[in-house]
Amino acid sequence: MLKKLMPALAIATAALCAAQPALAQSASNYPSKPIHIIVTFTSGGAPDILGRLIGDKLSAAWGQTVIVENKPGAGGNIGADYVAKAAPDGYNVVVGTVGTHAINGALYQNMPYDMTRDFTPVTLLASTPNMLVVNNNVPAKNLKEFIDLGKKEGKMTFASSGSGTSIHVSGELFKTMTGIDMQHIPYKGRASAIPDLLGGRVTMMFDNMPSSLPLVREGKLRALGVTSAKRSPAAPDIPTIAESGLPGFEAVSWFALFAPASTPRPVVDKLQAEVSKILKMPDVSKKLLDLGLEPSGSTPDELAAYQKTEIAKWSKVVKDSGAKVE
């Protein structure tokens, strides 16, 4: 039997050896044409901020054009699917989110892609708490008063930047833990949701901190809490939801770079190394921290392991809430 297998093994070994120089060459020549960074939501939010910041720095470092494209819709699924079906050569990557790569698989009944099999993890970019913000006309100054108000008055509405986002499931988790009757109002991105929140047409929103913190500082919205386990260094005066009456409440948003499945590892490693270096630059780090984003720069394997634990966590939250999207 072994003798029969020897020719096949020899062929396979030769093919593998021949492939190694090609992979090394593909990494040494990369990038030789413009790179497209796909952002799965509209401009102004954390994914867009990260995509454009990294795109500018990559372009400067490599002397190659980096094009940032916004492809919003379906809770980020449209943009993520675009990259899932792109050529696996490192020239199309996506700023994935906890929604597109950990939540949507459990929430959407008809997913156009597989959150793990169709992608190659590159690096975790950053994480941030969500912030519970309400219109200034809401007669509640803190979380306890808000929960009491919700239980007394009944119907409340909570906005999100789309079904399946961490903003959406943070609201579902809050609804489950408080028992408040809340209706989800999904928008095509936070840029569409914020005007209705400011105008009082929706009651509340669990927005990403980089988006809402400037509005809170300007006095245009009222913050009742952050969704992380600890207070954010960017806004230490705002208490956590867990410490304000809902022990165990935690819902952190994260953003990561993913390439299509089968992208050569040398290309992935080259991209990861450069992006990680960018995230450590003092000016980049300071800007992100000031916005409430904690920069990361993980290895591909670390991102893959983290994604696995996040999928398990959010699958349970979606199941417990009963939320579903067609």
Protein backbone atom coordinates (compact mmCIF):
# COMPACT_ATOMS: atom_id res chain seq x y z
CA MET A 1 0.00 0.00 0.00
CA LEU A 2 2.80 2.43 0.94
CA LYS A 3 4.56 1.74 -2.37
CA LYS A 4 1.34 2.58 -4.22
CA LEU A 5 1.02 5.85 -2.31
CA MET A 6 4.62 6.96 -2.87
CA PRO A 7 4.12 8.44 -6.39
CA ALA A 8 1.08 10.43 -5.23
CA LEU A 9 2.95 11.69 -2.17
CA ALA A 10 5.91 12.71 -4.32
CA ILE A 11 3.65 14.68 -6.66
CA ALA A 12 1.90 16.41 -3.76
CA THR A 13 5.23 17.30 -2.14
CA ALA A 14 6.59 18.68 -5.40
CA ALA A 15 3.48 20.78 -5.91
CA LEU A 16 3.76 22.16 -2.36
CA CYS A 17 7.42 23.04 -2.83
CA ALA A 18 6.64 24.74 -6.13
CA ALA A 19 3.87 26.76 -4.49
CA GLN A 20 6.08 28.19 -1.75
CA PRO A 21 8.15 30.50 -4.00
CA ALA A 22 4.95 31.68 -5.70
CA LEU A 23 3.42 32.57 -2.34
CA ALA A 24 6.56 34.37 -1.25
CA GLN A 25 6.65 36.27 -4.55
CA SER A 26 3.00 37.27 -4.22
CA ALA A 27 3.79 38.79 -0.80
CA SER A 28 6.96 40.57 -1.99
CA ASN A 29 5.07 42.17 -4.88
CA TYR A 30 2.05 43.07 -2.74
CA PRO A 31 0.58 45.58 -3.21
CA SER A 32 1.15 46.21 -6.91
CA LYS A 33 -2.23 47.85 -7.55
CA PRO A 34 -4.87 49.79 -5.56
CA ILE A 35 -6.30 48.16 -2.42
CA HIS A 36 -10.02 48.48 -1.73
CA ILE A 37 -11.15 48.69 1.91
CA ILE A 38 -14.88 47.99 2.10
CA VAL A 39 -16.83 49.63 4.94
CA THR A 40 -20.16 47.92 5.56
CA PHE A 41 -21.94 50.99 6.94
CA THR A 42 -22.48 54.62 6.00
CA SER A 43 -19.93 57.35 6.66
CA GLY A 44 -19.42 58.87 10.09
CA GLY A 45 -19.47 55.75 12.24
CA ALA A 46 -16.62 53.82 13.83
CA PRO A 47 -16.09 51.38 10.89
CA ASP A 48 -15.79 54.31 8.48
CA ILE A 49 -13.45 56.23 10.80
CA LEU A 50 -11.17 53.20 11.11
CA GLY A 51 -11.27 52.35 7.41
CA ARG A 52 -10.30 55.86 6.30
CA LEU A 53 -7.65 56.34 8.95
CA ILE A 54 -5.96 53.03 8.11
CA GLY A 55 -6.40 53.60 4.38
CA ASP A 56 -4.55 56.93 4.53
CA LYS A 57 -1.68 55.46 6.54
CA LEU A 58 -1.39 52.36 4.34
CA SER A 59 -1.25 54.50 1.23
CA ALA A 60 1.52 56.62 2.72
CA ALA A 61 3.50 53.58 3.93
CA TRP A 62 3.29 51.56 0.72
CA GLY A 63 3.04 54.31 -1.89
CA GLN A 64 -0.05 52.63 -3.32
CA THR A 65 -3.58 53.96 -3.68
CA VAL A 66 -6.03 52.71 -1.04
CA ILE A 67 -9.68 53.25 -1.89
CA VAL A 68 -12.27 53.21 0.92
CA GLU A 69 -15.76 52.27 -0.27
CA ASN A 70 -18.97 52.38 1.75
CA LYS A 71 -21.31 49.49 0.88
CA PRO A 72 -24.06 49.66 3.53
CA GLY A 73 -27.24 47.64 3.87
CA ALA A 74 -28.70 44.52 5.48
CA GLY A 75 -26.87 45.04 8.77
CA GLY A 76 -23.54 45.13 6.97
CA ASN A 77 -24.16 41.92 5.03
CA ILE A 78 -24.01 43.57 1.60
CA GLY A 79 -20.49 44.90 2.04
CA ALA A 80 -19.23 41.78 3.78
CA ASP A 81 -20.68 39.54 1.07
CA TYR A 82 -18.95 41.64 -1.59
CA VAL A 83 -15.56 40.86 -0.05
CA ALA A 84 -16.46 37.21 0.64
CA LYS A 85 -16.93 36.76 -3.13
CA ALA A 86 -13.91 38.85 -4.18
CA ALA A 87 -10.66 37.37 -5.49
CA PRO A 88 -8.48 36.06 -2.61
CA ASP A 89 -5.48 38.23 -3.42
CA GLY A 90 -5.49 40.87 -0.66
CA TYR A 91 -6.79 43.70 -2.84
CA ASN A 92 -10.31 43.65 -1.39
CA VAL A 93 -10.64 43.61 2.41
CA VAL A 94 -13.51 44.50 4.70
CA VAL A 95 -13.78 46.32 8.01
CA GLY A 96 -15.89 43.62 9.60
CA THR A 97 -17.89 44.24 12.75
CA VAL A 98 -19.25 42.18 15.61
CA GLY A 99 -22.49 42.26 13.61
CA THR A 100 -21.21 41.08 10.24
CA HIS A 101 -18.84 38.49 11.70
CA ALA A 102 -20.39 37.29 14.99
CA ILE A 103 -24.09 38.21 15.24
CA ASN A 104 -25.74 38.09 11.83
CA GLY A 105 -25.30 34.36 11.33
CA ALA A 106 -27.73 33.72 14.19
CA LEU A 107 -30.06 36.65 13.46
CA TYR A 108 -30.58 36.50 9.70
CA GLN A 109 -32.49 33.51 8.38
CA ASN A 110 -30.89 33.77 4.92
CA MET A 111 -27.22 34.72 5.13
CA PRO A 112 -25.39 35.30 1.83
CA TYR A 113 -22.06 34.20 3.31
CA ASP A 114 -20.57 32.12 6.12
CA MET A 115 -19.01 34.30 8.82
CA THR A 116 -15.94 32.07 9.24
CA ARG A 117 -15.53 29.82 6.19
CA ASP A 118 -15.75 32.65 3.64
CA PHE A 119 -13.11 34.89 5.24
CA THR A 120 -9.49 34.97 6.30
CA PRO A 121 -8.97 36.90 9.56
CA VAL A 122 -6.30 39.62 9.30
CA THR A 123 -6.33 41.65 12.53
CA LEU A 124 -8.60 43.03 15.23
CA LEU A 125 -8.57 46.79 14.72
CA ALA A 126 -10.31 48.19 17.79
CA SER A 127 -13.13 47.75 20.26
CA THR A 128 -15.49 50.20 21.92
CA PRO A 129 -18.43 50.20 24.29
CA ASN A 130 -21.84 51.19 23.04
CA MET A 131 -23.45 54.12 24.78
CA LEU A 132 -27.10 54.31 25.80
CA VAL A 133 -28.21 57.76 24.66
CA VAL A 134 -31.64 59.38 24.83
CA ASN A 135 -33.26 62.56 23.58
CA ASN A 136 -32.90 65.45 26.05
CA ASN A 137 -36.68 65.64 26.43
CA VAL A 138 -36.86 62.16 27.97
CA PRO A 139 -37.74 62.76 31.67
CA ALA A 140 -35.04 60.47 33.09
CA LYS A 141 -31.65 61.64 34.31
CA ASN A 142 -30.13 58.24 35.01
CA LEU A 143 -30.60 54.57 34.14
CA LYS A 144 -32.77 53.71 37.15
CA GLU A 145 -35.19 56.52 36.34
CA PHE A 146 -35.24 55.44 32.70
CA ILE A 147 -36.07 51.82 33.55
CA ASP A 148 -38.81 52.96 35.95
CA LEU A 149 -40.19 55.23 33.21
CA GLY A 150 -40.19 52.39 30.69
CA LYS A 151 -42.01 50.02 33.02
CA LYS A 152 -44.57 52.70 33.89
CA GLU A 153 -45.29 54.06 30.42
CA GLY A 154 -44.85 50.89 28.39
CA LYS A 155 -44.06 51.35 24.72
CA MET A 156 -40.59 52.63 23.91
CA THR A 157 -38.64 52.66 20.67
CA PHE A 158 -34.94 52.04 20.18
CA ALA A 159 -33.07 52.95 17.02
CA SER A 160 -30.20 51.06 15.46
CA SER A 161 -27.92 51.44 12.46
CA GLY A 162 -29.37 48.20 11.09
CA SER A 163 -30.60 44.78 12.13
CA GLY A 164 -27.82 42.56 13.43
CA THR A 165 -25.52 45.34 14.57
CA SER A 166 -24.21 45.41 18.12
CA ILE A 167 -26.37 48.51 18.47
CA HIS A 168 -29.43 46.38 17.71
CA VAL A 169 -28.60 43.40 19.92
CA SER A 170 -27.57 45.69 22.80
CA GLY A 171 -31.16 46.92 22.71
CA GLU A 172 -32.49 43.37 22.57
CA LEU A 173 -30.35 42.43 25.58
CA PHE A 174 -31.59 45.50 27.46
CA LYS A 175 -35.17 44.62 26.57
CA THR A 176 -34.73 41.05 27.84
CA MET A 177 -33.03 42.07 31.09
CA THR A 178 -35.44 44.90 31.99
CA GLY A 179 -38.71 43.51 30.68
CA ILE A 180 -39.54 46.87 29.08
CA ASP A 181 -41.81 46.79 26.03
CA MET A 182 -39.47 48.17 23.37
CA GLN A 183 -39.86 48.28 19.59
CA HIS A 184 -36.76 48.07 17.40
CA ILE A 185 -36.52 50.70 14.63
CA PRO A 186 -33.71 49.79 12.20
CA TYR A 187 -32.14 52.46 9.97
CA LYS A 188 -29.76 52.30 7.02
CA GLY A 189 -26.84 53.45 9.13
CA ARG A 190 -26.40 55.68 12.16
CA ALA A 191 -26.40 58.81 9.96
CA SER A 192 -30.11 58.19 9.35
CA ALA A 193 -30.91 57.22 12.94
CA ILE A 194 -29.33 60.14 14.79
CA PRO A 195 -31.60 62.87 13.34
CA ASP A 196 -34.69 60.97 14.50
CA LEU A 197 -33.15 60.49 17.93
CA LEU A 198 -32.31 64.19 18.16
CA GLY A 199 -35.83 65.05 17.02
CA GLY A 200 -37.46 62.79 19.59
CA ARG A 201 -39.03 60.47 17.02
CA VAL A 202 -37.34 57.50 18.72
CA THR A 203 -36.74 57.13 22.46
CA MET A 204 -33.23 55.77 22.69
CA MET A 205 -30.24 54.22 20.95
CA PHE A 206 -27.24 52.10 21.92
CA ASP A 207 -24.82 53.91 19.64
CA ASN A 208 -21.10 53.25 19.19
CA MET A 209 -19.25 55.66 21.47
CA PRO A 210 -17.22 57.39 18.69
CA SER A 211 -20.47 58.41 17.01
CA SER A 212 -22.44 59.71 20.01
CA LEU A 213 -19.80 60.93 22.45
CA PRO A 214 -19.30 64.25 20.57
CA LEU A 215 -23.09 64.84 20.64
CA VAL A 216 -23.18 64.09 24.38
CA ARG A 217 -20.29 66.49 24.99
CA GLU A 218 -22.16 69.16 23.00
CA GLY A 219 -25.27 68.62 25.12
CA LYS A 220 -27.39 67.43 22.20
CA LEU A 221 -27.98 63.95 23.66
CA ARG A 222 -28.03 62.55 27.20
CA ALA A 223 -25.89 59.51 28.02
CA LEU A 224 -27.29 57.09 30.61
CA GLY A 225 -24.55 54.48 30.56
CA VAL A 226 -21.93 52.55 28.62
CA THR A 227 -22.19 48.86 27.79
CA SER A 228 -18.66 47.76 28.77
CA ALA A 229 -17.81 45.99 32.02
CA LYS A 230 -15.66 48.97 33.08
CA ARG A 231 -16.04 52.69 32.50
CA SER A 232 -14.44 54.03 29.34
CA PRO A 233 -11.27 56.13 29.76
CA ALA A 234 -12.71 58.41 27.06
CA ALA A 235 -15.70 59.25 29.28
CA PRO A 236 -14.96 58.19 32.88
CA ASP A 237 -17.86 60.26 34.21
CA ILE A 238 -20.43 58.06 32.44
CA PRO A 239 -21.27 54.96 34.54
CA THR A 240 -21.60 51.47 33.13
CA ILE A 241 -25.06 50.00 32.71
CA ALA A 242 -23.96 47.07 34.87
CA GLU A 243 -23.10 49.32 37.83
CA SER A 244 -26.28 51.36 37.34
CA GLY A 245 -28.78 48.60 38.01
CA LEU A 246 -28.26 45.78 35.48
CA PRO A 247 -25.42 43.57 36.81
CA GLY A 248 -23.89 41.42 34.09
CA PHE A 249 -24.92 43.66 31.21
CA GLU A 250 -22.05 43.84 28.72
CA ALA A 251 -22.06 44.40 24.97
CA VAL A 252 -18.84 45.58 23.34
CA SER A 253 -18.55 46.49 19.68
CA TRP A 254 -15.44 45.49 17.78
CA PHE A 255 -14.06 46.06 14.31
CA ALA A 256 -11.64 43.85 12.44
CA LEU A 257 -10.03 43.47 9.05
CA PHE A 258 -10.97 40.38 7.05
CA ALA A 259 -9.86 39.19 3.61
CA PRO A 260 -11.58 36.61 1.39
CA ALA A 261 -11.01 32.95 2.27
CA SER A 262 -7.86 31.41 0.76
CA THR A 263 -5.97 34.69 0.65
CA PRO A 264 -2.27 33.64 0.78
CA ARG A 265 -0.92 33.72 4.33
CA PRO A 266 2.21 35.73 3.37
CA VAL A 267 -0.07 38.48 2.00
CA VAL A 268 -2.24 38.35 5.13
CA ASP A 269 0.82 38.54 7.38
CA LYS A 270 2.24 41.50 5.47
CA LEU A 271 -1.06 43.38 5.72
CA GLN A 272 -1.47 42.50 9.40
CA ALA A 273 2.06 43.66 10.27
CA GLU A 274 1.59 47.04 8.59
CA VAL A 275 -1.88 47.68 10.06
CA SER A 276 -0.67 46.67 13.52
CA LYS A 277 2.21 49.15 13.14
CA ILE A 278 -0.28 51.87 12.13
CA LEU A 279 -2.48 51.25 15.17
CA LYS A 280 0.55 51.75 17.42
CA MET A 281 1.45 55.15 15.93
CA PRO A 282 1.07 57.81 18.66
CA ASP A 283 -1.17 60.07 16.56
CA VAL A 284 -3.42 57.19 15.51
CA SER A 285 -3.61 55.70 19.00
CA LYS A 286 -4.45 59.09 20.56
CA LYS A 287 -7.16 59.84 18.02
CA LEU A 288 -8.83 56.47 18.53
CA LEU A 289 -8.64 56.62 22.33
CA ASP A 290 -10.09 60.13 22.35
CA LEU A 291 -13.07 58.74 20.40
CA GLY A 292 -13.53 55.85 22.81
CA LEU A 293 -11.93 53.24 20.54
CA GLU A 294 -9.29 50.96 22.06
CA PRO A 295 -6.79 49.99 19.32
CA SER A 296 -5.67 46.38 19.04
CA GLY A 297 -3.61 44.94 16.16
CA SER A 298 -3.99 41.24 16.98
CA THR A 299 -2.52 38.37 14.97
CA PRO A 300 -4.80 36.54 12.50
CA ASP A 301 -4.95 33.52 14.81
CA GLU A 302 -5.88 35.66 17.82
CA LEU A 303 -8.69 37.25 15.82
CA ALA A 304 -9.97 33.85 14.70
CA ALA A 305 -10.10 32.61 18.32
CA TYR A 306 -11.84 35.80 19.51
CA GLN A 307 -14.38 35.62 16.70
CA LYS A 308 -15.24 32.06 17.70
CA THR A 309 -16.03 33.05 21.31
CA GLU A 310 -18.06 36.08 20.14
CA ILE A 311 -20.17 33.94 17.79
CA ALA A 312 -21.05 31.62 20.68
CA LYS A 313 -21.88 34.55 22.99
CA TRP A 314 -24.13 36.45 20.60
CA SER A 315 -25.88 33.35 19.30
CA LYS A 316 -27.19 32.83 22.83
CA VAL A 317 -28.28 36.48 23.15
CA VAL A 318 -30.16 36.31 19.83
CA LYS A 319 -31.79 33.01 20.79
CA ASP A 320 -32.85 34.29 24.22
CA SER A 321 -34.28 37.51 22.76
CA GLY A 322 -36.19 35.72 20.00
CA ALA A 323 -35.05 38.33 17.47
CA LYS A 324 -35.04 37.26 13.80
CA VAL A 325 -34.57 39.04 10.48
CA GLU A 326 -35.86 37.68 7.17
